Amino acid sequence: MRLQLQKVVYNASEVYLVIEVKNNSGIDFEIDYLNIYRTNGNKKRKASFQRLQ
């Protein structure tokens, strides 16, 4: 299964993510919901990371 971000679209104060899902496994999957997080921080200093949904 592959999940790929195609593009990010901005409309006023809203952000839309265009995502492509490919399933080559032969097993049918039904996507109910998808949680997406944005992580802010410095890779050198792990104490300052923030994860936003």
PDB file of N, CA and C in Angstrom:
ATOM      1  N   MET A   1       0.847  -1.159   0.000  1.00  0.00           N
ATOM      2  CA  MET A   1       0.000   0.000   0.000  1.00  0.00           C
ATOM      3  C   MET A   1       0.895   1.225   0.000  1.00  0.00           C
ATOM      4  N   ARG A   2       0.542   2.226  -0.810  1.00  0.00           N
ATOM      5  CA  ARG A   2       1.341   3.445  -0.894  1.00  0.00           C
ATOM      6  C   ARG A   2       0.430   4.653  -0.728  1.00  0.00           C
ATOM      7  N   LEU A   3       0.871   5.566   0.112  1.00  0.00           N
ATOM      8  CA  LEU A   3       0.171   6.817   0.359  1.00  0.00           C
ATOM      9  C   LEU A   3       1.119   7.936  -0.040  1.00  0.00           C
ATOM     10  N   GLN A   4       0.706   8.768  -1.005  1.00  0.00           N
ATOM     11  CA  GLN A   4       1.601   9.789  -1.528  1.00  0.00           C
ATOM     12  C   GLN A   4       0.899  11.147  -1.553  1.00  0.00           C
ATOM     13  N   LEU A   5       1.580  12.153  -1.017  1.00  0.00           N
ATOM     14  CA  LEU A   5       1.073  13.520  -1.045  1.00  0.00           C
ATOM     15  C   LEU A   5       1.358  14.107  -2.422  1.00  0.00           C
ATOM     16  N   GLN A   6       0.314  14.491  -3.143  1.00  0.00           N
ATOM     17  CA  GLN A   6       0.462  15.041  -4.486  1.00  0.00           C
ATOM     18  C   GLN A   6       0.725  16.543  -4.459  1.00  0.00           C
ATOM     19  N   LYS A   7      -0.109  17.268  -3.707  1.00  0.00           N
ATOM     20  CA  LYS A   7       0.090  18.713  -3.597  1.00  0.00           C
ATOM     21  C   LYS A   7      -0.669  19.259  -2.410  1.00  0.00           C
ATOM     22  N   VAL A   8      -0.301  20.471  -2.021  1.00  0.00           N
ATOM     23  CA  VAL A   8      -0.952  21.198  -0.933  1.00  0.00           C
ATOM     24  C   VAL A   8      -1.623  22.419  -1.556  1.00  0.00           C
ATOM     25  N   VAL A   9      -2.909  22.607  -1.261  1.00  0.00           N
ATOM     26  CA  VAL A   9      -3.680  23.712  -1.831  1.00  0.00           C
ATOM     27  C   VAL A   9      -4.131  24.619  -0.689  1.00  0.00           C
ATOM     28  N   TYR A  10      -3.870  25.904  -0.833  1.00  0.00           N
ATOM     29  CA  TYR A  10      -4.270  26.895   0.165  1.00  0.00           C
ATOM     30  C   TYR A  10      -5.464  27.679  -0.365  1.00  0.00           C
ATOM     31  N   ASN A  11      -6.503  27.821   0.476  1.00  0.00           N
ATOM     32  CA  ASN A  11      -7.675  28.602   0.124  1.00  0.00           C
ATOM     33  C   ASN A  11      -8.063  29.425   1.356  1.00  0.00           C
ATOM     34  N   ALA A  12      -7.716  30.699   1.332  1.00  0.00           N
ATOM     35  CA  ALA A  12      -7.940  31.603   2.468  1.00  0.00           C
ATOM     36  C   ALA A  12      -7.248  31.035   3.698  1.00  0.00           C
ATOM     37  N   SER A  13      -8.003  30.709   4.753  1.00  0.00           N
ATOM     38  CA  SER A  13      -7.390  30.200   5.977  1.00  0.00           C
ATOM     39  C   SER A  13      -7.388  28.667   6.040  1.00  0.00           C
ATOM     40  N   GLU A  14      -7.822  27.998   4.971  1.00  0.00           N
ATOM     41  CA  GLU A  14      -7.895  26.545   4.956  1.00  0.00           C
ATOM     42  C   GLU A  14      -6.787  25.949   4.099  1.00  0.00           C
ATOM     43  N   VAL A  15      -6.357  24.745   4.477  1.00  0.00           N
ATOM     44  CA  VAL A  15      -5.323  24.018   3.743  1.00  0.00           C
ATOM     45  C   VAL A  15      -5.895  22.662   3.348  1.00  0.00           C
ATOM     46  N   TYR A  16      -5.778  22.314   2.074  1.00  0.00           N
ATOM     47  CA  TYR A  16      -6.252  21.033   1.567  1.00  0.00           C
ATOM     48  C   TYR A  16      -5.064  20.230   1.070  1.00  0.00           C
ATOM     49  N   LEU A  17      -5.052  18.929   1.399  1.00  0.00           N
ATOM     50  CA  LEU A  17      -4.005  18.021   0.951  1.00  0.00           C
ATOM     51  C   LEU A  17      -4.585  17.096  -0.108  1.00  0.00           C
ATOM     52  N   VAL A  18      -3.938  17.023  -1.258  1.00  0.00           N
ATOM     53  CA  VAL A  18      -4.349  16.105  -2.320  1.00  0.00           C
ATOM     54  C   VAL A  18      -3.464  14.866  -2.183  1.00  0.00           C
ATOM     55  N   ILE A  19      -4.089  13.739  -1.875  1.00  0.00           N
ATOM     56  CA  ILE A  19      -3.366  12.517  -1.548  1.00  0.00           C
ATOM     57  C   ILE A  19      -3.776  11.408  -2.513  1.00  0.00           C
ATOM     58  N   GLU A  20      -2.786  10.619  -2.931  1.00  0.00           N
ATOM     59  CA  GLU A  20      -3.032   9.464  -3.785  1.00  0.00           C
ATOM     60  C   GLU A  20      -2.774   8.200  -2.972  1.00  0.00           C
ATOM     61  N   VAL A  21      -3.727   7.272  -3.027  1.00  0.00           N
ATOM     62  CA  VAL A  21      -3.595   5.995  -2.327  1.00  0.00           C
ATOM     63  C   VAL A  21      -3.582   4.895  -3.377  1.00  0.00           C
ATOM     64  N   LYS A  22      -2.538   4.060  -3.345  1.00  0.00           N
ATOM     65  CA  LYS A  22      -2.442   2.923  -4.262  1.00  0.00           C
ATOM     66  C   LYS A  22      -2.353   1.638  -3.447  1.00  0.00           C
ATOM     67  N   ASN A  23      -3.121   0.640  -3.883  1.00  0.00           N
ATOM     68  CA  ASN A  23      -3.130  -0.650  -3.208  1.00  0.00           C
ATOM     69  C   ASN A  23      -2.832  -1.727  -4.242  1.00  0.00           C
ATOM     70  N   ASN A  24      -1.645  -2.288  -4.177  1.00  0.00           N
ATOM     71  CA  ASN A  24      -1.262  -3.363  -5.099  1.00  0.00           C
ATOM     72  C   ASN A  24      -1.238  -4.722  -4.400  1.00  0.00           C
ATOM     73  N   SER A  25      -1.790  -4.801  -3.198  1.00  0.00           N
ATOM     74  CA  SER A  25      -1.682  -6.017  -2.398  1.00  0.00           C
ATOM     75  C   SER A  25      -2.698  -7.091  -2.782  1.00  0.00           C
ATOM     76  N   GLY A  26      -3.769  -6.717  -3.460  1.00  0.00           N
ATOM     77  CA  GLY A  26      -4.816  -7.698  -3.757  1.00  0.00           C
ATOM     78  C   GLY A  26      -5.840  -7.822  -2.646  1.00  0.00           C
ATOM     79  N   ILE A  27      -5.588  -7.177  -1.525  1.00  0.00           N
ATOM     80  CA  ILE A  27      -6.527  -7.167  -0.396  1.00  0.00           C
ATOM     81  C   ILE A  27      -7.262  -5.833  -0.414  1.00  0.00           C
ATOM     82  N   ASP A  28      -8.594  -5.874  -0.353  1.00  0.00           N
ATOM     83  CA  ASP A  28      -9.378  -4.649  -0.348  1.00  0.00           C
ATOM     84  C   ASP A  28      -9.333  -4.002   1.029  1.00  0.00           C
ATOM     85  N   PHE A  29      -8.948  -2.732   1.068  1.00  0.00           N
ATOM     86  CA  PHE A  29      -8.936  -1.953   2.289  1.00  0.00           C
ATOM     87  C   PHE A  29      -9.949  -0.828   2.156  1.00  0.00           C
ATOM     88  N   GLU A  30     -10.635  -0.542   3.240  1.00  0.00           N
ATOM     89  CA  GLU A  30     -11.583   0.565   3.260  1.00  0.00           C
ATOM     90  C   GLU A  30     -11.046   1.617   4.218  1.00  0.00           C
ATOM     91  N   ILE A  31     -10.781   2.807   3.714  1.00  0.00           N
ATOM     92  CA  ILE A  31     -10.247   3.888   4.545  1.00  0.00           C
ATOM     93  C   ILE A  31     -11.403   4.612   5.201  1.00  0.00           C
ATOM     94  N   ASP A  32     -11.441   4.547   6.521  1.00  0.00           N
ATOM     95  CA  ASP A  32     -12.487   5.218   7.285  1.00  0.00           C
ATOM     96  C   ASP A  32     -12.081   6.665   7.567  1.00  0.00           C
ATOM     97  N   TYR A  33     -10.852   6.841   8.041  1.00  0.00           N
ATOM     98  CA  TYR A  33     -10.328   8.184   8.299  1.00  0.00           C
ATOM     99  C   TYR A  33      -8.807   8.121   8.250  1.00  0.00           C
ATOM    100  N   LEU A  34      -8.199   9.272   8.161  1.00  0.00           N
ATOM    101  CA  LEU A  34      -6.746   9.377   8.079  1.00  0.00           C
ATOM    102  C   LEU A  34      -6.300  10.543   8.943  1.00  0.00           C
ATOM    103  N   ASN A  35      -5.496  10.262   9.961  1.00  0.00           N
ATOM    104  CA  ASN A  35      -4.951  11.317  10.809  1.00  0.00           C
ATOM    105  C   ASN A  35      -3.636  11.800  10.206  1.00  0.00           C
ATOM    106  N   ILE A  36      -3.519  13.102  10.048  1.00  0.00           N
ATOM    107  CA  ILE A  36      -2.297  13.691   9.490  1.00  0.00           C
ATOM    108  C   ILE A  36      -1.752  14.674  10.511  1.00  0.00           C
ATOM    109  N   TYR A  37      -0.457  14.582  10.763  1.00  0.00           N
ATOM    110  CA  TYR A  37       0.203  15.442  11.738  1.00  0.00           C
ATOM    111  C   TYR A  37       1.321  16.231  11.065  1.00  0.00           C
ATOM    112  N   ARG A  38       1.512  17.431  11.539  1.00  0.00           N
ATOM    113  CA  ARG A  38       2.635  18.262  11.113  1.00  0.00           C
ATOM    114  C   ARG A  38       3.585  18.357  12.298  1.00  0.00           C
ATOM    115  N   THR A  39       4.852  18.077  12.066  1.00  0.00           N
ATOM    116  CA  THR A  39       5.842  18.114  13.136  1.00  0.00           C
ATOM    117  C   THR A  39       6.770  19.289  12.920  1.00  0.00           C
ATOM    118  N   ASN A  40       6.876  20.123  13.942  1.00  0.00           N
ATOM    119  CA  ASN A  40       7.792  21.263  13.926  1.00  0.00           C
ATOM    120  C   ASN A  40       8.907  20.984  14.908  1.00  0.00           C
ATOM    121  N   GLY A  41      10.108  21.340  14.527  1.00  0.00           N
ATOM    122  CA  GLY A  41      11.201  21.171  15.472  1.00  0.00           C
ATOM    123  C   GLY A  41      12.554  21.150  14.798  1.00  0.00           C
ATOM    124  N   ASN A  42      13.547  21.050  15.628  1.00  0.00           N
ATOM    125  CA  ASN A  42      14.923  21.018  15.183  1.00  0.00           C
ATOM    126  C   ASN A  42      15.417  19.581  15.299  1.00  0.00           C
ATOM    127  N   LYS A  43      15.914  18.992  14.216  1.00  0.00           N
ATOM    128  CA  LYS A  43      16.367  17.601  14.239  1.00  0.00           C
ATOM    129  C   LYS A  43      17.584  17.416  15.134  1.00  0.00           C
ATOM    130  N   LYS A  44      18.352  18.455  15.335  1.00  0.00           N
ATOM    131  CA  LYS A  44      19.544  18.360  16.172  1.00  0.00           C
ATOM    132  C   LYS A  44      19.186  18.380  17.660  1.00  0.00           C
ATOM    133  N   ARG A  45      18.105  19.079  18.006  1.00  0.00           N
ATOM    134  CA  ARG A  45      17.663  19.175  19.405  1.00  0.00           C
ATOM    135  C   ARG A  45      16.278  18.558  19.508  1.00  0.00           C
ATOM    136  N   LYS A  46      16.193  17.346  19.976  1.00  0.00           N
ATOM    137  CA  LYS A  46      14.926  16.613  20.013  1.00  0.00           C
ATOM    138  C   LYS A  46      13.975  17.118  21.090  1.00  0.00           C
ATOM    139  N   ALA A  47      14.410  17.986  21.968  1.00  0.00           N
ATOM    140  CA  ALA A  47      13.560  18.490  23.050  1.00  0.00           C
ATOM    141  C   ALA A  47      12.553  19.517  22.578  1.00  0.00           C
ATOM    142  N   SER A  48      12.739  20.076  21.391  1.00  0.00           N
ATOM    143  CA  SER A  48      11.883  21.178  20.948  1.00  0.00           C
ATOM    144  C   SER A  48      10.840  20.751  19.901  1.00  0.00           C
ATOM    145  N   PHE A  49      10.533  19.454  19.787  1.00  0.00           N
ATOM    146  CA  PHE A  49       9.575  19.013  18.787  1.00  0.00           C
ATOM    147  C   PHE A  49       8.142  19.252  19.233  1.00  0.00           C
ATOM    148  N   GLN A  50       7.298  19.617  18.268  1.00  0.00           N
ATOM    149  CA  GLN A  50       5.872  19.826  18.511  1.00  0.00           C
ATOM    150  C   GLN A  50       5.110  19.109  17.409  1.00  0.00           C
ATOM    151  N   ARG A  51       4.107  18.322  17.795  1.00  0.00           N
ATOM    152  CA  ARG A  51       3.308  17.552  16.838  1.00  0.00           C
ATOM    153  C   ARG A  51       1.896  18.110  16.834  1.00  0.00           C
ATOM    154  N   LEU A  52       1.443  18.609  15.672  1.00  0.00           N
ATOM    155  CA  LEU A  52       0.126  19.228  15.537  1.00  0.00           C
ATOM    156  C   LEU A  52      -0.725  18.409  14.570  1.00  0.00           C
ATOM    157  N   GLN A  53      -1.970  18.159  14.955  1.00  0.00           N
ATOM    158  CA  GLN A  53      -2.880  17.426  14.071  1.00  0.00           C
ATOM    159  C   GLN A  53      -3.505  18.368  13.077  1.00  0.00           C
TER     160      GLN A  53
END
